[in-house]
N, C-alpha and C. Protein backbone atom coordinates (compact mmCIF):
# COMPACT_ATOMS: atom_id res chain seq x y z
N UNK A 1 -17.99 4.54 -5.98
CA UNK A 1 -17.49 3.73 -4.61
C UNK A 1 -16.35 2.77 -4.67
N UNK A 2 -15.58 2.67 -4.12
CA UNK A 2 -14.50 1.74 -3.99
C UNK A 2 -15.23 0.14 -3.27
N UNK A 3 -14.62 -0.63 -3.89
CA UNK A 3 -15.02 -2.24 -3.57
C UNK A 3 -14.04 -2.60 -2.99
N UNK A 4 -12.94 -2.13 -2.50
CA UNK A 4 -11.89 -2.33 -1.36
C UNK A 4 -12.54 -2.60 0.03
N UNK A 5 -12.44 -3.68 0.61
CA UNK A 5 -12.55 -3.50 1.94
C UNK A 5 -12.32 -2.32 2.77
N UNK A 6 -13.17 -1.74 3.59
CA UNK A 6 -12.48 -0.67 4.27
C UNK A 6 -11.33 -0.91 5.38
N UNK A 7 -11.21 -1.89 5.88
CA UNK A 7 -10.32 -2.11 6.98
C UNK A 7 -9.10 -2.23 6.17
N UNK A 8 -8.93 -2.65 4.84
CA UNK A 8 -7.44 -2.47 4.31
C UNK A 8 -6.85 -0.73 4.43
N UNK A 9 -7.58 0.11 4.06
CA UNK A 9 -7.37 0.95 4.12
C UNK A 9 -7.24 1.65 5.50
N UNK A 10 -8.03 1.01 6.45
CA UNK A 10 -7.89 1.76 7.76
C UNK A 10 -6.67 1.01 8.80
N UNK A 11 -6.50 -0.29 8.06
CA UNK A 11 -5.21 -0.62 8.65
C UNK A 11 -3.86 0.25 8.33
N UNK A 12 -3.58 0.60 7.04
CA UNK A 12 -2.75 1.10 6.32
C UNK A 12 -2.68 2.61 6.95
N UNK A 13 -3.37 3.34 6.87
CA UNK A 13 -3.52 4.43 7.76
C UNK A 13 -3.20 4.37 9.30
N UNK A 14 -3.71 3.84 10.18
CA UNK A 14 -3.34 2.99 11.43
C UNK A 14 -1.68 3.26 11.72
N UNK A 15 -0.96 2.07 10.73
CA UNK A 15 0.21 1.99 10.74
C UNK A 15 0.89 3.31 10.48
N UNK A 16 0.77 3.91 9.32
CA UNK A 16 1.15 5.19 9.05
C UNK A 16 1.13 6.23 10.32
N UNK A 17 -0.07 6.03 10.60
CA UNK A 17 -0.03 7.26 11.90
C UNK A 17 0.84 6.56 13.01
N UNK A 18 1.19 5.46 13.42
CA UNK A 18 1.96 4.77 14.45
C UNK A 18 3.65 5.26 14.10
N UNK A 19 3.90 4.77 12.64
CA UNK A 19 5.01 5.59 12.61
C UNK A 19 5.19 6.68 12.77
N UNK A 20 4.37 7.66 12.75
CA UNK A 20 4.67 8.76 12.59
C UNK A 20 4.89 9.45 14.36
N UNK A 21 4.06 8.40 15.47
CA UNK A 21 4.13 8.52 16.96
C UNK A 21 5.39 8.03 16.99
N UNK A 22 6.32 6.94 16.46
CA UNK A 22 7.39 6.56 16.57
C UNK A 22 8.49 7.42 16.54
N UNK A 23 8.21 8.33 15.37
CA UNK A 23 9.04 9.34 15.30
C UNK A 23 9.35 10.43 16.46
N UNK A 24 8.20 10.54 16.60
CA UNK A 24 7.79 11.78 17.73
C UNK A 24 8.50 11.12 19.35
N UNK A 25 8.60 10.08 19.36
CA UNK A 25 9.10 9.19 21.05
C UNK A 25 10.50 9.25 20.82
N UNK A 26 11.37 9.87 19.22
CA UNK A 26 12.55 9.54 19.39
C UNK A 26 12.88 10.99 20.08
N UNK A 27 14.30 10.65 20.69
CA UNK A 27 14.97 12.30 21.73
C UNK A 27 15.16 13.30 20.66
N UNK A 28 15.65 12.80 19.59
CA UNK A 28 16.44 14.02 18.83
C UNK A 28 16.38 13.37 17.64
N UNK A 29 16.93 14.45 16.50
CA UNK A 29 17.12 14.13 15.12
C UNK A 29 18.20 13.24 14.47
N UNK A 30 19.07 13.67 15.32
CA UNK A 30 19.95 12.28 15.34
C UNK A 30 19.65 11.00 15.45
N UNK A 31 18.88 10.60 16.43
CA UNK A 31 18.52 9.22 16.83
C UNK A 31 17.72 8.97 15.67
N UNK A 32 17.15 9.37 14.84
CA UNK A 32 16.33 9.10 13.65
C UNK A 32 17.50 8.04 12.83
N UNK A 33 18.35 8.82 12.87
CA UNK A 33 19.04 7.87 11.45
C UNK A 33 20.11 6.94 12.16
N UNK A 34 20.07 6.55 13.65
CA UNK A 34 21.36 5.64 14.22
C UNK A 34 20.66 4.20 14.04
N UNK A 35 21.90 3.51 13.86
CA UNK A 35 21.68 2.11 13.80
C UNK A 35 22.44 1.38 14.73
N UNK A 36 22.27 0.12 14.72
CA UNK A 36 23.08 -0.44 15.77
C UNK A 36 23.86 -1.77 15.06
N UNK A 37 24.67 -2.50 15.70
CA UNK A 37 25.51 -3.72 15.24
C UNK A 37 24.60 -4.57 14.75
N UNK A 38 24.54 -5.04 13.42
CA UNK A 38 23.63 -5.98 12.78
C UNK A 38 22.35 -5.55 12.67
N UNK A 39 22.27 -4.12 12.61
CA UNK A 39 21.10 -3.83 11.82
C UNK A 39 21.40 -2.69 10.92
N UNK A 40 20.98 -2.85 9.65
CA UNK A 40 21.08 -2.09 8.50
C UNK A 40 20.26 -0.96 8.74
N UNK A 41 18.53 -1.02 8.70
CA UNK A 41 18.10 0.27 8.37
C UNK A 41 17.90 1.01 9.84
N UNK A 42 17.88 2.59 9.62
CA UNK A 42 17.70 3.50 10.51
C UNK A 42 16.03 3.51 10.95
N UNK A 43 15.63 4.21 11.44
CA UNK A 43 14.46 4.40 11.59
C UNK A 43 13.96 5.22 10.19
N UNK A 44 14.35 6.39 10.25
CA UNK A 44 14.34 7.25 9.01
C UNK A 44 14.53 6.16 7.64
N UNK A 45 15.34 5.38 7.33
CA UNK A 45 15.53 4.69 6.40
C UNK A 45 13.83 3.59 6.23
N UNK A 46 13.61 3.06 7.23
CA UNK A 46 12.73 2.20 7.26
C UNK A 46 11.26 3.50 7.08
N UNK A 47 11.13 4.47 7.73
CA UNK A 47 10.16 5.22 7.08
C UNK A 47 9.79 5.46 5.70
N UNK A 48 10.99 6.18 4.80
CA UNK A 48 11.11 6.52 3.66
C UNK A 48 10.71 5.11 2.69
N UNK A 49 11.49 4.22 3.16
CA UNK A 49 10.96 2.69 2.35
C UNK A 49 9.68 2.72 2.51
N UNK A 50 8.81 2.44 3.83
CA UNK A 50 7.48 2.16 3.45
C UNK A 50 6.59 3.38 2.82
N UNK A 51 7.21 4.75 2.88
CA UNK A 51 6.43 5.62 2.37
C UNK A 51 6.85 5.49 0.63
N UNK A 52 7.84 5.07 0.02
CA UNK A 52 8.22 4.94 -1.35
C UNK A 52 7.42 3.95 -1.76
N UNK A 53 7.20 2.43 -0.83
CA UNK A 53 6.49 1.49 -1.37
C UNK A 53 5.24 1.70 -1.57
N UNK A 54 4.29 2.44 -0.74
CA UNK A 54 3.09 2.65 -0.50
C UNK A 54 2.77 3.71 -1.38
N UNK A 55 3.35 4.86 -2.07
CA UNK A 55 3.42 6.03 -2.99
C UNK A 55 3.51 5.38 -4.37
N UNK A 56 4.47 4.34 -4.27
CA UNK A 56 4.55 3.57 -6.04
C UNK A 56 3.47 2.61 -5.95
N UNK A 57 3.30 1.66 -5.15
CA UNK A 57 2.37 0.42 -5.66
C UNK A 57 0.70 0.94 -5.56
N UNK A 58 0.41 2.01 -4.76
CA UNK A 58 -0.95 2.50 -4.48
C UNK A 58 -1.11 3.63 -5.49
N UNK A 59 -0.14 4.59 -4.89
CA UNK A 59 -0.80 6.25 -5.60
C UNK A 59 -0.12 6.07 -6.83
N UNK A 60 0.80 5.86 -7.49
CA UNK A 60 1.44 5.89 -8.93
C UNK A 60 0.56 4.90 -9.70
N UNK A 61 0.73 3.29 -9.50
CA UNK A 61 0.51 2.20 -10.16
C UNK A 61 -1.23 2.23 -10.03
N UNK A 62 -1.91 2.26 -8.75
CA UNK A 62 -3.06 2.18 -8.65
C UNK A 62 -4.19 3.32 -8.86
N UNK A 63 -3.52 4.37 -8.33
CA UNK A 63 -4.17 5.55 -8.35
C UNK A 63 -3.59 6.68 -9.49
N UNK A 64 -2.58 6.56 -10.11
CA UNK A 64 -2.16 6.99 -11.36
C UNK A 64 -1.82 8.81 -10.65
N UNK A 65 -0.85 8.50 -9.45
CA UNK A 65 -0.64 9.74 -9.08
C UNK A 65 0.98 10.23 -10.05
N UNK A 66 1.42 9.49 -10.39
CA UNK A 66 2.53 10.43 -11.40
C UNK A 66 3.69 10.10 -10.46
N UNK A 67 3.74 9.74 -9.08
CA UNK A 67 4.99 9.29 -8.28
C UNK A 67 5.90 8.74 -8.88
N UNK A 68 7.18 9.00 -9.04
CA UNK A 68 8.07 8.19 -9.56
C UNK A 68 9.07 8.09 -8.16
N UNK A 69 8.94 6.55 -8.01
CA UNK A 69 10.04 6.25 -7.07
C UNK A 69 11.39 5.97 -7.12
N UNK A 70 12.02 6.45 -6.16
CA UNK A 70 13.29 6.22 -5.84
C UNK A 70 14.04 5.77 -4.86
N UNK A 71 13.96 4.17 -5.18
CA UNK A 71 14.18 3.33 -3.89
C UNK A 71 15.76 3.13 -3.58
N UNK A 72 16.38 3.42 -4.64
CA UNK A 72 17.97 3.65 -3.91
C UNK A 72 17.72 4.68 -2.86
N UNK A 73 17.38 6.03 -3.08
CA UNK A 73 16.91 7.29 -1.85
C UNK A 73 16.64 6.52 -0.84
N UNK A 74 15.55 5.81 -1.02
CA UNK A 74 14.79 5.39 0.08
C UNK A 74 16.03 4.61 1.52
N UNK A 75 17.07 3.87 0.88
CA UNK A 75 17.90 3.35 1.44
C UNK A 75 19.20 3.93 1.90
N UNK A 76 19.28 5.05 0.97
CA UNK A 76 20.67 5.80 1.17
C UNK A 76 20.61 7.37 1.80
N UNK A 77 19.55 7.54 1.69
CA UNK A 77 19.46 9.10 2.16
C UNK A 77 19.84 9.07 3.84
N UNK A 78 20.18 9.95 4.29
CA UNK A 78 20.24 10.37 5.60
C UNK A 78 20.10 11.73 5.92
N UNK A 79 19.74 11.91 7.05
CA UNK A 79 19.56 13.38 7.86
C UNK A 79 18.57 14.16 7.21
N UNK A 80 17.46 13.49 7.44
CA UNK A 80 16.30 14.30 6.90
C UNK A 80 15.67 14.46 8.35
N UNK A 81 15.06 15.67 8.16
CA UNK A 81 14.32 15.91 9.47
C UNK A 81 13.30 15.02 9.97
N UNK A 82 12.85 15.01 11.12
CA UNK A 82 11.35 14.25 11.23
C UNK A 82 10.45 15.24 10.92
N UNK A 83 10.60 16.49 10.33
CA UNK A 83 9.47 16.86 9.69
C UNK A 83 9.17 16.42 8.03
N UNK A 84 10.64 16.55 7.93
CA UNK A 84 10.89 16.04 6.09
C UNK A 84 9.80 14.39 6.27
N UNK A 85 10.18 13.87 7.22
CA UNK A 85 9.86 12.51 7.20
C UNK A 85 8.13 12.24 7.53
N UNK A 86 7.60 13.43 8.63
CA UNK A 86 6.59 13.52 8.27
C UNK A 86 5.43 13.82 7.32
N UNK A 87 6.57 14.72 6.65
CA UNK A 87 5.65 14.94 5.12
C UNK A 87 5.67 13.90 4.62
N UNK A 88 6.32 12.85 4.41
CA UNK A 88 6.56 11.62 3.37
C UNK A 88 5.42 10.77 3.77
N UNK A 89 5.15 10.76 5.09
CA UNK A 89 4.34 9.70 6.03
C UNK A 89 3.17 10.38 5.58
N UNK A 90 2.65 11.94 4.93
CA UNK A 90 1.32 12.25 4.67
C UNK A 90 1.17 12.33 3.26
N UNK A 91 2.17 12.35 2.53
CA UNK A 91 2.02 11.90 1.04
C UNK A 91 1.73 10.39 0.99
N UNK A 92 2.26 9.57 1.75
CA UNK A 92 1.91 7.84 1.82
C UNK A 92 0.41 7.95 2.02
N UNK A 93 -0.28 8.59 2.94
CA UNK A 93 -1.26 8.14 3.68
C UNK A 93 -2.22 8.89 1.83
N UNK A 94 -1.89 9.93 1.73
CA UNK A 94 -2.60 10.59 0.60
C UNK A 94 -2.63 9.44 -0.46
N UNK A 95 -1.99 8.76 -1.11
CA UNK A 95 -1.27 7.75 -1.69
C UNK A 95 -2.50 6.49 -1.57
N UNK A 96 -2.60 6.43 -0.18
CA UNK A 96 -3.25 5.11 0.16
C UNK A 96 -4.61 5.72 -0.33
N UNK A 97 -5.01 6.62 0.23
CA UNK A 97 -6.78 7.32 -0.21
C UNK A 97 -6.95 7.33 -1.20
N UNK A 98 -6.09 7.91 -2.05
CA UNK A 98 -6.26 8.17 -3.54
C UNK A 98 -6.58 6.62 -4.25
N UNK A 99 -5.52 5.82 -4.04
CA UNK A 99 -5.87 4.73 -5.00
C UNK A 99 -6.99 3.52 -4.26
N UNK A 100 -7.04 3.74 -3.03
CA UNK A 100 -8.22 2.82 -2.62
C UNK A 100 -9.52 3.59 -3.08
N UNK A 101 -9.76 4.69 -3.05
CA UNK A 101 -10.99 5.12 -3.57
C UNK A 101 -11.60 4.86 -5.15
N UNK A 102 -10.28 4.70 -5.58
CA UNK A 102 -10.44 4.19 -7.02
C UNK A 102 -11.02 2.79 -7.67
N UNK A 103 -10.67 1.78 -6.46
CA UNK A 103 -10.70 0.18 -6.79
C UNK A 103 -11.99 -0.33 -6.48
N UNK A 104 -12.54 -0.65 -8.10
CA UNK A 104 -13.55 -1.19 -7.62
C UNK A 104 -13.75 -2.97 -7.94
N UNK A 105 -14.69 -3.74 -7.94
CA UNK A 105 -14.61 -5.06 -7.94
C UNK A 105 -14.00 -5.74 -8.99
N UNK A 106 -13.92 -5.11 -9.82
CA UNK A 106 -12.86 -5.51 -11.16
C UNK A 106 -11.62 -5.43 -10.63
N UNK A 107 -11.24 -4.31 -10.42
CA UNK A 107 -9.79 -4.33 -10.27
C UNK A 107 -9.22 -5.07 -8.81
N UNK A 108 -10.21 -4.99 -7.77
CA UNK A 108 -9.80 -5.98 -6.66
C UNK A 108 -9.56 -7.06 -7.33
N UNK A 109 -10.50 -8.28 -8.22
CA UNK A 109 -9.97 -9.19 -8.32
C UNK A 109 -8.97 -9.72 -9.54
N UNK A 110 -8.91 -8.25 -10.22
CA UNK A 110 -7.90 -8.44 -11.40
C UNK A 110 -6.45 -8.54 -10.94
N UNK A 111 -5.63 -9.04 -11.94
CA UNK A 111 -3.83 -8.95 -11.64
C UNK A 111 -3.57 -7.62 -11.31
N UNK A 112 -2.67 -7.29 -10.40
CA UNK A 112 -2.15 -6.22 -10.43
C UNK A 112 -1.47 -5.75 -11.65
N UNK A 113 -1.54 -4.70 -11.61
CA UNK A 113 -1.21 -3.86 -13.13
C UNK A 113 0.48 -4.35 -13.27
N UNK A 114 1.10 -4.42 -12.58
CA UNK A 114 2.66 -4.73 -12.64
C UNK A 114 3.03 -6.08 -11.92
N UNK A 115 4.08 -6.83 -12.77
CA UNK A 115 4.40 -8.06 -11.78
C UNK A 115 5.49 -7.87 -10.69
N UNK A 116 5.16 -8.53 -9.80
CA UNK A 116 5.81 -8.28 -8.64
C UNK A 116 6.91 -9.30 -8.33
N UNK A 117 8.20 -8.83 -8.31
CA UNK A 117 9.35 -9.45 -8.45
C UNK A 117 9.17 -10.84 -9.06
N UNK A 118 8.62 -10.30 -10.78
CA UNK A 118 8.47 -11.33 -11.53
C UNK A 118 7.18 -12.12 -11.38
N UNK A 119 6.50 -11.82 -10.44
CA UNK A 119 5.15 -12.69 -10.07
C UNK A 119 3.92 -11.96 -10.61
N UNK A 120 3.14 -12.83 -11.15
CA UNK A 120 1.63 -11.67 -11.14
C UNK A 120 0.48 -12.40 -9.74
N UNK A 121 0.18 -11.21 -9.20
CA UNK A 121 -0.85 -11.56 -8.18
C UNK A 121 -2.11 -11.02 -8.34
N UNK A 122 -3.31 -10.77 -7.59
CA UNK A 122 -4.44 -10.49 -7.71
C UNK A 122 -4.09 -9.07 -7.11
N UNK A 123 -4.54 -8.12 -7.46
CA UNK A 123 -4.67 -6.62 -6.82
C UNK A 123 -5.18 -6.90 -5.39
N UNK A 124 -6.42 -7.54 -4.66
CA UNK A 124 -6.82 -7.36 -3.50
C UNK A 124 -5.94 -8.33 -2.69
N UNK A 125 -5.21 -8.98 -3.25
CA UNK A 125 -3.96 -9.99 -2.25
C UNK A 125 -2.90 -9.36 -2.13
N UNK A 126 -2.53 -8.38 -3.04
CA UNK A 126 -1.07 -7.30 -2.85
C UNK A 126 -1.54 -6.62 -2.11
N UNK A 127 -2.89 -5.69 -2.06
CA UNK A 127 -3.08 -5.01 -1.08
C UNK A 127 -2.96 -5.44 0.69
N UNK A 128 -3.49 -7.13 0.77
CA UNK A 128 -3.09 -7.37 1.82
C UNK A 128 -1.37 -7.48 2.09
N UNK A 129 -0.73 -7.99 1.23
CA UNK A 129 0.57 -7.94 1.27
C UNK A 129 1.21 -6.69 1.60
N UNK A 130 0.74 -5.79 0.96
CA UNK A 130 1.48 -4.45 1.27
C UNK A 130 1.12 -3.78 2.87
N UNK A 131 -0.01 -4.47 3.23
CA UNK A 131 -0.66 -4.00 4.87
C UNK A 131 0.45 -4.50 5.76
N UNK A 132 0.65 -6.10 5.37
CA UNK A 132 1.36 -6.48 6.13
C UNK A 132 3.03 -6.10 6.15
N UNK A 133 3.66 -5.57 5.21
CA UNK A 133 4.87 -5.24 4.79
C UNK A 133 4.48 -3.81 5.54
N UNK A 134 3.80 -3.29 5.72
CA UNK A 134 3.91 -2.15 6.26
C UNK A 134 4.02 -1.94 7.88
N UNK A 135 3.08 -3.08 8.33
CA UNK A 135 3.29 -3.38 10.04
C UNK A 135 4.22 -4.07 10.22
N UNK A 136 5.22 -5.12 9.40
CA UNK A 136 6.25 -5.64 9.86
C UNK A 136 7.34 -4.69 10.05
N UNK A 137 7.33 -3.60 9.13
CA UNK A 137 8.51 -2.63 9.42
C UNK A 137 8.28 -1.54 10.40
N UNK A 138 6.93 -1.51 10.45
CA UNK A 138 6.44 -0.79 11.79
C UNK A 138 6.97 -1.34 13.32
N UNK A 139 6.92 -2.66 13.17
CA UNK A 139 7.37 -3.43 14.28
C UNK A 139 8.99 -3.16 14.66
N UNK A 140 9.17 -3.02 13.52
CA UNK A 140 11.06 -2.73 13.56
C UNK A 140 11.14 -1.78 14.01
N UNK A 141 10.76 -0.87 13.58
CA UNK A 141 10.95 0.83 14.03
C UNK A 141 10.92 0.68 15.55
N UNK A 142 9.46 0.29 16.04
CA UNK A 142 9.26 -0.01 17.47
C UNK A 142 10.24 -0.52 18.51
N UNK A 143 10.60 -1.70 17.75
CA UNK A 143 12.05 -2.17 18.56
C UNK A 143 13.29 -1.49 18.47
N UNK A 144 13.67 -0.98 17.39
CA UNK A 144 14.94 -0.38 17.35
C UNK A 144 14.85 1.12 17.93
N UNK A 145 13.54 1.65 17.95
CA UNK A 145 13.31 2.81 18.99
C UNK A 145 13.64 2.72 20.05
N UNK A 146 12.79 1.48 20.62
CA UNK A 146 12.96 0.95 22.40
C UNK A 146 14.75 0.75 22.73
N UNK A 147 15.26 0.18 21.76
CA UNK A 147 16.70 -0.51 22.06
C UNK A 147 17.60 0.87 22.00
N UNK A 148 17.41 1.86 21.10
CA UNK A 148 18.52 2.90 20.85
C UNK A 148 18.16 4.35 22.18
N UNK A 149 17.10 4.17 22.19
CA UNK A 149 16.41 4.90 23.35
C UNK A 149 16.37 4.30 24.97
N UNK A 150 16.12 3.31 24.82
CA UNK A 150 16.03 2.40 26.34
C UNK A 150 14.45 2.78 27.13
N UNK A 151 13.84 3.52 26.16
CA UNK A 151 12.64 3.90 26.41
C UNK A 151 11.50 2.71 25.87
N UNK A 152 10.66 2.01 26.87
CA UNK A 152 9.91 0.92 26.88
C UNK A 152 8.86 1.55 26.14
N UNK A 153 8.35 2.55 26.41
CA UNK A 153 6.89 3.42 26.24
C UNK A 153 6.59 2.38 24.94
N UNK A 154 5.04 2.58 24.78
CA UNK A 154 4.63 1.90 23.55
C UNK A 154 4.10 3.32 22.57
N UNK A 155 4.20 3.19 21.13
CA UNK A 155 3.67 4.31 20.61
C UNK A 155 2.29 3.65 20.46
N UNK A 156 1.50 3.11 20.98
CA UNK A 156 -0.05 2.53 20.67
C UNK A 156 0.11 1.89 19.51
N UNK A 157 0.96 1.55 18.66
CA UNK A 157 0.82 0.85 17.44
C UNK A 157 0.11 -0.02 17.47
N UNK A 158 -0.48 -0.57 16.22
CA UNK A 158 -1.92 -1.47 16.17
C UNK A 158 -2.70 -1.94 17.03
N UNK A 159 -3.15 -1.01 17.57
CA UNK A 159 -4.06 -1.10 18.74
C UNK A 159 -5.41 -1.22 18.25
N UNK A 160 -5.91 -2.13 18.87
CA UNK A 160 -7.54 -2.43 18.19
C UNK A 160 -8.70 -1.44 18.49
N UNK A 161 -8.23 -0.49 19.31
CA UNK A 161 -9.68 0.25 19.54
C UNK A 161 -9.67 1.57 18.58
N UNK A 162 -8.71 1.64 17.78
CA UNK A 162 -8.74 2.77 16.38
C UNK A 162 -9.54 1.91 15.18
N UNK A 163 -9.64 0.52 15.16
CA UNK A 163 -10.62 -0.11 14.22
C UNK A 163 -11.82 -0.68 14.63
N UNK A 164 -11.92 -0.80 16.02
CA UNK A 164 -13.01 -1.33 16.51
C UNK A 164 -14.17 -0.01 16.81
N UNK A 165 -13.62 0.91 16.91
CA UNK A 165 -14.75 2.23 16.88
C UNK A 165 -15.14 2.55 15.12
N UNK A 166 -14.81 2.13 14.35
CA UNK A 166 -15.28 2.47 13.28
C UNK A 166 -16.50 1.40 12.82
N UNK A 167 -17.45 2.37 12.36
CA UNK A 167 -18.52 1.19 11.90
C UNK A 167 -18.69 0.85 10.68
N UNK A 168 -17.79 1.64 10.07
CA UNK A 168 -17.45 0.51 8.64
C UNK A 168 -16.78 -0.66 8.72
N UNK A 169 -15.82 -0.81 9.79
CA UNK A 169 -15.02 -2.38 10.02
C UNK A 169 -16.05 -3.28 10.21
N UNK A 170 -16.10 -4.53 9.46
CA UNK A 170 -16.54 -5.70 9.70
C UNK A 170 -16.41 -6.17 11.06
N UNK A 171 -17.58 -6.43 11.91
CA UNK A 171 -17.55 -7.04 13.32
C UNK A 171 -18.14 -8.45 13.19
N UNK A 172 -17.30 -9.09 14.00
CA UNK A 172 -18.09 -10.63 14.10
C UNK A 172 -19.55 -10.88 14.77
């Protein structure tokens, strides 16, 4: 059984689900790849980036999935359909579940197996970082979608209900 706090996985999966809902709120395939002046990354780019990030750092490094990251593709690819991006999100979900299921207490307190930006960090701390990184990009996607479409609707991203209903999540 994993020693990773259940809320780390729950938060990551919640954010990946919210990214999928953001994609669904876009009016067409072209809007997935649109940007605005001063904005470098499209919704599709941010989706590919967070999926590649999780599939590498969790799936490959911690989970042994064999995934080989192509970070350049994450930022250069254009024109993938929403269905293709949804498949990327599903693969990222699987990577999160695979890795977290394998983490024991020793792994959580040990140094992450790879240096990150030339630095060594504990695995548990790095998982927190990955969850925050994912949420940060989810926020970018939400604002970009609203600005591109003029549609103020929420995707329900980071709603507390999805985690409050889970008996495995720690409560005060």
